[in-house]
């Protein structure tokens, strides 16, 4: 069984969190975002945020790509002691999702944004 948060050693707890600005989804984009955490993040997540209703999702809906493992992705996240970097494929769909109706869909890039989160 998992230990309650109070019982976790300090080294097991996540500390300060950095959240990136909204990141435009675009073929060939390669952007680094200084996280200011002072060390390489112990955990980095990537969310897909709906900005215009699409595939049965409403503006403001968030798909956690880290947890859901999309059926198609063409991006890489790299982290070091100063930056988190998002590299997007120069061609192809970049992201395919399982839509609200359970079908596989290529997203309309202008209807979505990426957001990275990193914890020290």
N, C-alpha and C. Protein backbone atom coordinates (compact mmCIF):
# COMPACT_ATOMS: atom_id res chain seq x y z
N UNK A 1 0.84 -1.18 0.00
CA UNK A 1 0.00 0.00 0.00
C UNK A 1 0.88 1.24 0.00
N UNK A 2 0.39 2.28 -0.60
CA UNK A 2 1.13 3.55 -0.67
C UNK A 2 1.14 4.21 0.70
N UNK A 3 2.26 4.82 1.02
CA UNK A 3 2.39 5.54 2.28
C UNK A 3 1.64 6.87 2.20
N UNK A 4 1.02 7.29 3.30
CA UNK A 4 0.38 8.60 3.29
C UNK A 4 1.44 9.69 3.07
N UNK A 5 1.02 10.83 2.53
CA UNK A 5 1.94 11.91 2.20
C UNK A 5 2.81 12.30 3.40
N UNK A 6 2.25 12.32 4.58
CA UNK A 6 3.00 12.72 5.76
C UNK A 6 4.14 11.75 6.06
N UNK A 7 4.01 10.50 5.63
CA UNK A 7 5.02 9.49 5.93
C UNK A 7 6.12 9.42 4.87
N UNK A 8 5.95 10.13 3.77
CA UNK A 8 6.95 10.09 2.73
C UNK A 8 8.20 10.85 3.15
N UNK A 9 9.34 10.32 2.79
CA UNK A 9 10.60 11.02 3.05
C UNK A 9 10.65 12.26 2.18
N UNK A 10 11.36 13.27 2.62
CA UNK A 10 11.45 14.52 1.89
C UNK A 10 11.88 14.29 0.44
N UNK A 11 12.77 13.34 0.19
CA UNK A 11 13.24 13.05 -1.16
C UNK A 11 12.19 12.44 -2.06
N UNK A 12 11.09 11.95 -1.47
CA UNK A 12 10.02 11.34 -2.24
C UNK A 12 8.93 12.33 -2.62
N UNK A 13 8.95 13.51 -2.03
CA UNK A 13 7.91 14.50 -2.27
C UNK A 13 8.30 15.41 -3.42
N UNK A 14 7.31 15.79 -4.19
CA UNK A 14 7.54 16.77 -5.24
C UNK A 14 7.46 18.15 -4.63
N UNK A 15 8.32 19.04 -5.07
CA UNK A 15 8.36 20.39 -4.51
C UNK A 15 7.71 21.40 -5.43
N UNK A 16 8.44 22.44 -5.70
CA UNK A 16 7.95 23.56 -6.50
C UNK A 16 7.60 23.09 -7.90
N UNK A 17 6.55 23.67 -8.46
CA UNK A 17 6.09 23.31 -9.81
C UNK A 17 6.25 24.50 -10.76
N UNK A 18 6.76 24.22 -11.94
CA UNK A 18 6.80 25.21 -13.03
C UNK A 18 5.72 24.84 -14.02
N UNK A 19 4.96 25.83 -14.52
CA UNK A 19 3.97 25.63 -15.57
C UNK A 19 4.32 26.52 -16.74
N UNK A 20 4.44 25.94 -17.92
CA UNK A 20 4.78 26.71 -19.12
C UNK A 20 3.60 27.57 -19.56
N UNK A 21 3.88 28.54 -20.41
CA UNK A 21 2.77 29.22 -21.07
C UNK A 21 2.12 28.24 -22.05
N UNK A 22 0.96 28.60 -22.60
CA UNK A 22 0.36 27.79 -23.66
C UNK A 22 1.34 27.71 -24.82
N UNK A 23 1.52 26.52 -25.37
CA UNK A 23 2.48 26.29 -26.45
C UNK A 23 1.70 25.94 -27.72
N UNK A 24 1.91 26.73 -28.76
CA UNK A 24 1.26 26.50 -30.04
C UNK A 24 1.75 25.18 -30.62
N UNK A 25 0.84 24.42 -31.17
CA UNK A 25 1.18 23.15 -31.80
C UNK A 25 1.49 23.44 -33.26
N UNK A 26 2.74 23.21 -33.65
CA UNK A 26 3.18 23.55 -35.00
C UNK A 26 4.30 22.60 -35.43
N UNK A 27 4.18 22.09 -36.63
CA UNK A 27 5.22 21.20 -37.16
C UNK A 27 6.57 21.90 -37.15
N UNK A 28 7.59 21.20 -36.63
CA UNK A 28 8.95 21.70 -36.61
C UNK A 28 9.27 22.64 -35.47
N UNK A 29 8.31 22.94 -34.61
CA UNK A 29 8.58 23.84 -33.48
C UNK A 29 9.54 23.16 -32.50
N UNK A 30 10.45 23.94 -31.96
CA UNK A 30 11.43 23.45 -31.00
C UNK A 30 11.67 24.59 -30.02
N UNK A 31 11.05 24.51 -28.85
CA UNK A 31 11.11 25.61 -27.89
C UNK A 31 11.58 25.13 -26.54
N UNK A 32 12.41 25.95 -25.90
CA UNK A 32 12.88 25.68 -24.54
C UNK A 32 12.26 26.73 -23.61
N UNK A 33 11.89 26.28 -22.43
CA UNK A 33 11.25 27.15 -21.43
C UNK A 33 12.05 27.05 -20.14
N UNK A 34 12.67 28.17 -19.69
CA UNK A 34 13.42 28.13 -18.44
C UNK A 34 12.48 27.89 -17.26
N UNK A 35 12.75 26.83 -16.49
CA UNK A 35 11.83 26.46 -15.41
C UNK A 35 12.17 27.08 -14.06
N UNK A 36 13.41 27.49 -13.86
CA UNK A 36 13.79 28.15 -12.61
C UNK A 36 13.76 27.26 -11.37
N UNK A 37 13.79 25.95 -11.55
CA UNK A 37 13.71 25.03 -10.41
C UNK A 37 15.05 24.80 -9.72
N UNK A 38 16.14 25.17 -10.38
CA UNK A 38 17.46 25.02 -9.78
C UNK A 38 18.06 23.63 -9.90
N UNK A 39 17.35 22.72 -10.52
CA UNK A 39 17.83 21.34 -10.71
C UNK A 39 16.99 20.72 -11.82
N UNK A 40 17.48 19.60 -12.35
CA UNK A 40 16.69 18.88 -13.35
C UNK A 40 15.39 18.41 -12.70
N UNK A 41 14.26 18.67 -13.34
CA UNK A 41 12.98 18.24 -12.76
C UNK A 41 12.93 16.73 -12.54
N UNK A 42 12.28 16.34 -11.46
CA UNK A 42 12.09 14.91 -11.16
C UNK A 42 10.89 14.34 -11.91
N UNK A 43 9.97 15.23 -12.30
CA UNK A 43 8.79 14.81 -13.03
C UNK A 43 8.41 15.92 -14.00
N UNK A 44 8.11 15.55 -15.24
CA UNK A 44 7.60 16.49 -16.24
C UNK A 44 6.34 15.87 -16.84
N UNK A 45 5.28 16.66 -16.94
CA UNK A 45 4.04 16.19 -17.57
C UNK A 45 3.71 17.10 -18.74
N UNK A 46 2.88 16.58 -19.63
CA UNK A 46 2.43 17.37 -20.78
C UNK A 46 0.92 17.22 -20.90
N UNK A 47 0.25 18.37 -21.00
CA UNK A 47 -1.20 18.40 -21.15
C UNK A 47 -1.55 18.96 -22.52
N UNK A 48 -2.68 18.52 -23.04
CA UNK A 48 -3.25 19.05 -24.27
C UNK A 48 -4.50 19.82 -23.84
N UNK A 49 -4.51 21.12 -24.07
CA UNK A 49 -5.61 21.97 -23.61
C UNK A 49 -6.44 22.40 -24.81
N UNK A 50 -7.74 22.14 -24.73
CA UNK A 50 -8.66 22.52 -25.81
C UNK A 50 -8.93 24.03 -25.72
N UNK A 51 -8.72 24.75 -26.83
CA UNK A 51 -9.00 26.19 -26.84
C UNK A 51 -10.22 26.53 -27.70
N UNK A 52 -10.59 25.62 -28.59
CA UNK A 52 -11.80 25.76 -29.40
C UNK A 52 -12.45 24.38 -29.46
N UNK A 53 -13.75 24.30 -29.22
CA UNK A 53 -14.44 23.00 -29.19
C UNK A 53 -14.00 22.13 -30.37
N UNK A 54 -13.68 20.87 -30.05
CA UNK A 54 -13.11 19.97 -31.05
C UNK A 54 -13.29 18.52 -30.62
N UNK A 55 -13.74 17.67 -31.54
CA UNK A 55 -13.85 16.22 -31.31
C UNK A 55 -14.64 15.87 -30.04
N UNK A 56 -15.67 16.66 -29.75
CA UNK A 56 -16.51 16.39 -28.59
C UNK A 56 -15.98 16.98 -27.29
N UNK A 57 -14.87 17.69 -27.33
CA UNK A 57 -14.32 18.35 -26.15
C UNK A 57 -14.64 19.84 -26.22
N UNK A 58 -14.76 20.47 -25.07
CA UNK A 58 -15.08 21.89 -24.97
C UNK A 58 -13.83 22.69 -24.65
N UNK A 59 -13.86 23.97 -25.01
CA UNK A 59 -12.76 24.87 -24.65
C UNK A 59 -12.53 24.78 -23.15
N UNK A 60 -11.29 24.64 -22.75
CA UNK A 60 -10.94 24.51 -21.34
C UNK A 60 -10.72 23.08 -20.89
N UNK A 61 -11.20 22.10 -21.67
CA UNK A 61 -10.95 20.70 -21.31
C UNK A 61 -9.46 20.40 -21.45
N UNK A 62 -8.96 19.54 -20.57
CA UNK A 62 -7.54 19.19 -20.55
C UNK A 62 -7.39 17.68 -20.67
N UNK A 63 -6.56 17.25 -21.60
CA UNK A 63 -6.20 15.84 -21.73
C UNK A 63 -4.77 15.71 -21.23
N UNK A 64 -4.58 14.93 -20.19
CA UNK A 64 -3.24 14.71 -19.66
C UNK A 64 -2.58 13.66 -20.53
N UNK A 65 -1.68 14.10 -21.40
CA UNK A 65 -1.04 13.17 -22.32
C UNK A 65 -0.06 12.25 -21.62
N UNK A 66 0.49 12.68 -20.50
CA UNK A 66 1.42 11.85 -19.74
C UNK A 66 0.71 10.61 -19.23
N UNK A 67 -0.49 10.79 -18.71
CA UNK A 67 -1.24 9.67 -18.13
C UNK A 67 -1.99 8.86 -19.18
N UNK A 68 -2.54 9.53 -20.19
CA UNK A 68 -3.40 8.82 -21.12
C UNK A 68 -2.66 8.14 -22.25
N UNK A 69 -1.42 8.51 -22.51
CA UNK A 69 -0.66 7.85 -23.57
C UNK A 69 -1.42 7.86 -24.87
N UNK A 70 -1.37 8.98 -25.62
CA UNK A 70 -2.17 9.09 -26.84
C UNK A 70 -1.83 8.00 -27.85
N UNK A 71 -2.79 7.64 -28.71
CA UNK A 71 -2.54 6.62 -29.71
C UNK A 71 -1.55 7.06 -30.78
N UNK A 72 -1.34 8.34 -30.92
CA UNK A 72 -0.36 8.82 -31.89
C UNK A 72 0.29 10.09 -31.38
N UNK A 73 1.59 10.15 -31.37
CA UNK A 73 2.26 11.36 -30.95
C UNK A 73 3.58 11.48 -31.70
N UNK A 74 3.92 12.71 -31.95
CA UNK A 74 5.13 13.00 -32.69
C UNK A 74 5.84 14.19 -32.05
N UNK A 75 6.14 14.06 -30.77
CA UNK A 75 6.82 15.11 -30.03
C UNK A 75 7.70 14.48 -28.97
N UNK A 76 8.65 15.26 -28.49
CA UNK A 76 9.57 14.81 -27.45
C UNK A 76 9.74 15.93 -26.43
N UNK A 77 9.76 15.57 -25.16
CA UNK A 77 10.03 16.51 -24.08
C UNK A 77 11.40 16.16 -23.49
N UNK A 78 12.25 17.17 -23.35
CA UNK A 78 13.58 17.01 -22.78
C UNK A 78 13.71 17.98 -21.63
N UNK A 79 14.32 17.55 -20.52
CA UNK A 79 14.49 18.44 -19.36
C UNK A 79 15.94 18.39 -18.89
N UNK A 80 16.44 19.55 -18.49
CA UNK A 80 17.75 19.61 -17.86
C UNK A 80 17.66 20.56 -16.67
N UNK A 81 18.78 20.95 -16.11
CA UNK A 81 18.78 21.76 -14.89
C UNK A 81 18.24 23.17 -15.08
N UNK A 82 18.12 23.62 -16.33
CA UNK A 82 17.63 24.98 -16.55
C UNK A 82 16.35 25.08 -17.37
N UNK A 83 16.12 24.14 -18.28
CA UNK A 83 14.99 24.26 -19.21
C UNK A 83 14.19 22.97 -19.33
N UNK A 84 12.93 23.12 -19.74
CA UNK A 84 12.16 22.02 -20.31
C UNK A 84 11.96 22.39 -21.77
N UNK A 85 12.14 21.42 -22.63
CA UNK A 85 12.13 21.67 -24.07
C UNK A 85 11.11 20.77 -24.73
N UNK A 86 10.35 21.33 -25.65
CA UNK A 86 9.37 20.57 -26.42
C UNK A 86 9.76 20.63 -27.88
N UNK A 87 10.02 19.45 -28.45
CA UNK A 87 10.38 19.33 -29.86
C UNK A 87 9.21 18.66 -30.57
N UNK A 88 8.67 19.32 -31.60
CA UNK A 88 7.54 18.79 -32.35
C UNK A 88 8.01 18.34 -33.73
N UNK A 89 7.48 17.25 -34.19
CA UNK A 89 7.86 16.67 -35.48
C UNK A 89 7.72 17.69 -36.61
N UNK A 90 8.61 17.58 -37.57
CA UNK A 90 8.56 18.49 -38.71
C UNK A 90 7.46 18.12 -39.71
N UNK A 91 6.89 16.94 -39.59
CA UNK A 91 5.80 16.57 -40.48
C UNK A 91 4.81 15.67 -39.73
N UNK A 92 3.66 15.47 -40.31
CA UNK A 92 2.67 14.58 -39.69
C UNK A 92 1.71 15.31 -38.77
N UNK A 93 0.96 14.53 -38.03
CA UNK A 93 -0.12 15.05 -37.19
C UNK A 93 0.33 15.61 -35.85
N UNK A 94 1.49 15.28 -35.37
CA UNK A 94 2.03 15.62 -34.05
C UNK A 94 1.25 14.90 -32.95
N UNK A 95 -0.10 15.06 -32.89
CA UNK A 95 -0.89 14.40 -31.86
C UNK A 95 -2.16 13.83 -32.47
N UNK A 96 -2.45 12.59 -32.12
CA UNK A 96 -3.77 11.99 -32.38
C UNK A 96 -4.34 11.62 -31.03
N UNK A 97 -5.64 11.78 -30.88
CA UNK A 97 -6.28 11.51 -29.60
C UNK A 97 -7.42 10.51 -29.77
N UNK A 98 -7.87 9.99 -28.66
CA UNK A 98 -9.13 9.27 -28.64
C UNK A 98 -10.17 10.33 -28.29
N UNK A 99 -11.04 10.60 -29.25
CA UNK A 99 -12.04 11.65 -29.10
C UNK A 99 -13.11 11.25 -28.08
N UNK A 100 -13.98 12.19 -27.76
CA UNK A 100 -15.04 11.95 -26.78
C UNK A 100 -15.96 10.81 -27.21
N UNK A 101 -16.05 10.54 -28.51
CA UNK A 101 -16.90 9.43 -28.99
C UNK A 101 -16.12 8.12 -29.11
N UNK A 102 -14.90 8.09 -28.58
CA UNK A 102 -14.02 6.91 -28.54
C UNK A 102 -13.36 6.60 -29.88
N UNK A 103 -13.48 7.48 -30.87
CA UNK A 103 -12.80 7.26 -32.15
C UNK A 103 -11.41 7.90 -32.11
N UNK A 104 -10.51 7.37 -32.93
CA UNK A 104 -9.17 7.96 -33.03
C UNK A 104 -9.24 9.12 -34.01
N UNK A 105 -8.67 10.25 -33.60
CA UNK A 105 -8.74 11.45 -34.43
C UNK A 105 -7.41 12.19 -34.43
N UNK A 106 -7.09 12.79 -35.56
CA UNK A 106 -5.98 13.74 -35.61
C UNK A 106 -6.54 15.08 -35.16
N UNK A 107 -5.81 15.76 -34.30
CA UNK A 107 -6.34 17.03 -33.81
C UNK A 107 -6.19 18.12 -34.87
N UNK A 108 -7.03 19.14 -34.75
CA UNK A 108 -6.86 20.38 -35.51
C UNK A 108 -5.93 21.22 -34.65
N UNK A 109 -4.72 21.45 -35.12
CA UNK A 109 -3.68 22.07 -34.30
C UNK A 109 -4.11 23.40 -33.70
N UNK A 110 -4.84 24.21 -34.45
CA UNK A 110 -5.24 25.52 -33.96
C UNK A 110 -6.28 25.45 -32.83
N UNK A 111 -6.89 24.30 -32.62
CA UNK A 111 -7.91 24.13 -31.57
C UNK A 111 -7.33 23.67 -30.24
N UNK A 112 -6.03 23.43 -30.20
CA UNK A 112 -5.40 22.87 -29.00
C UNK A 112 -4.08 23.57 -28.71
N UNK A 113 -3.62 23.48 -27.48
CA UNK A 113 -2.31 23.96 -27.06
C UNK A 113 -1.69 22.93 -26.12
N UNK A 114 -0.36 22.87 -26.10
CA UNK A 114 0.35 22.07 -25.13
C UNK A 114 0.64 22.93 -23.89
N UNK A 115 0.70 22.31 -22.73
CA UNK A 115 1.21 22.94 -21.50
C UNK A 115 2.10 21.91 -20.82
N UNK A 116 3.31 22.34 -20.48
CA UNK A 116 4.26 21.50 -19.75
C UNK A 116 4.25 21.87 -18.27
N UNK A 117 4.40 20.88 -17.41
CA UNK A 117 4.57 21.14 -15.98
C UNK A 117 5.79 20.34 -15.52
N UNK A 118 6.61 20.97 -14.67
CA UNK A 118 7.82 20.32 -14.18
C UNK A 118 7.92 20.53 -12.68
N UNK A 119 8.32 19.47 -11.96
CA UNK A 119 8.47 19.53 -10.51
C UNK A 119 9.90 19.19 -10.11
N UNK A 120 10.41 19.91 -9.13
CA UNK A 120 11.75 19.65 -8.60
C UNK A 120 11.65 18.57 -7.54
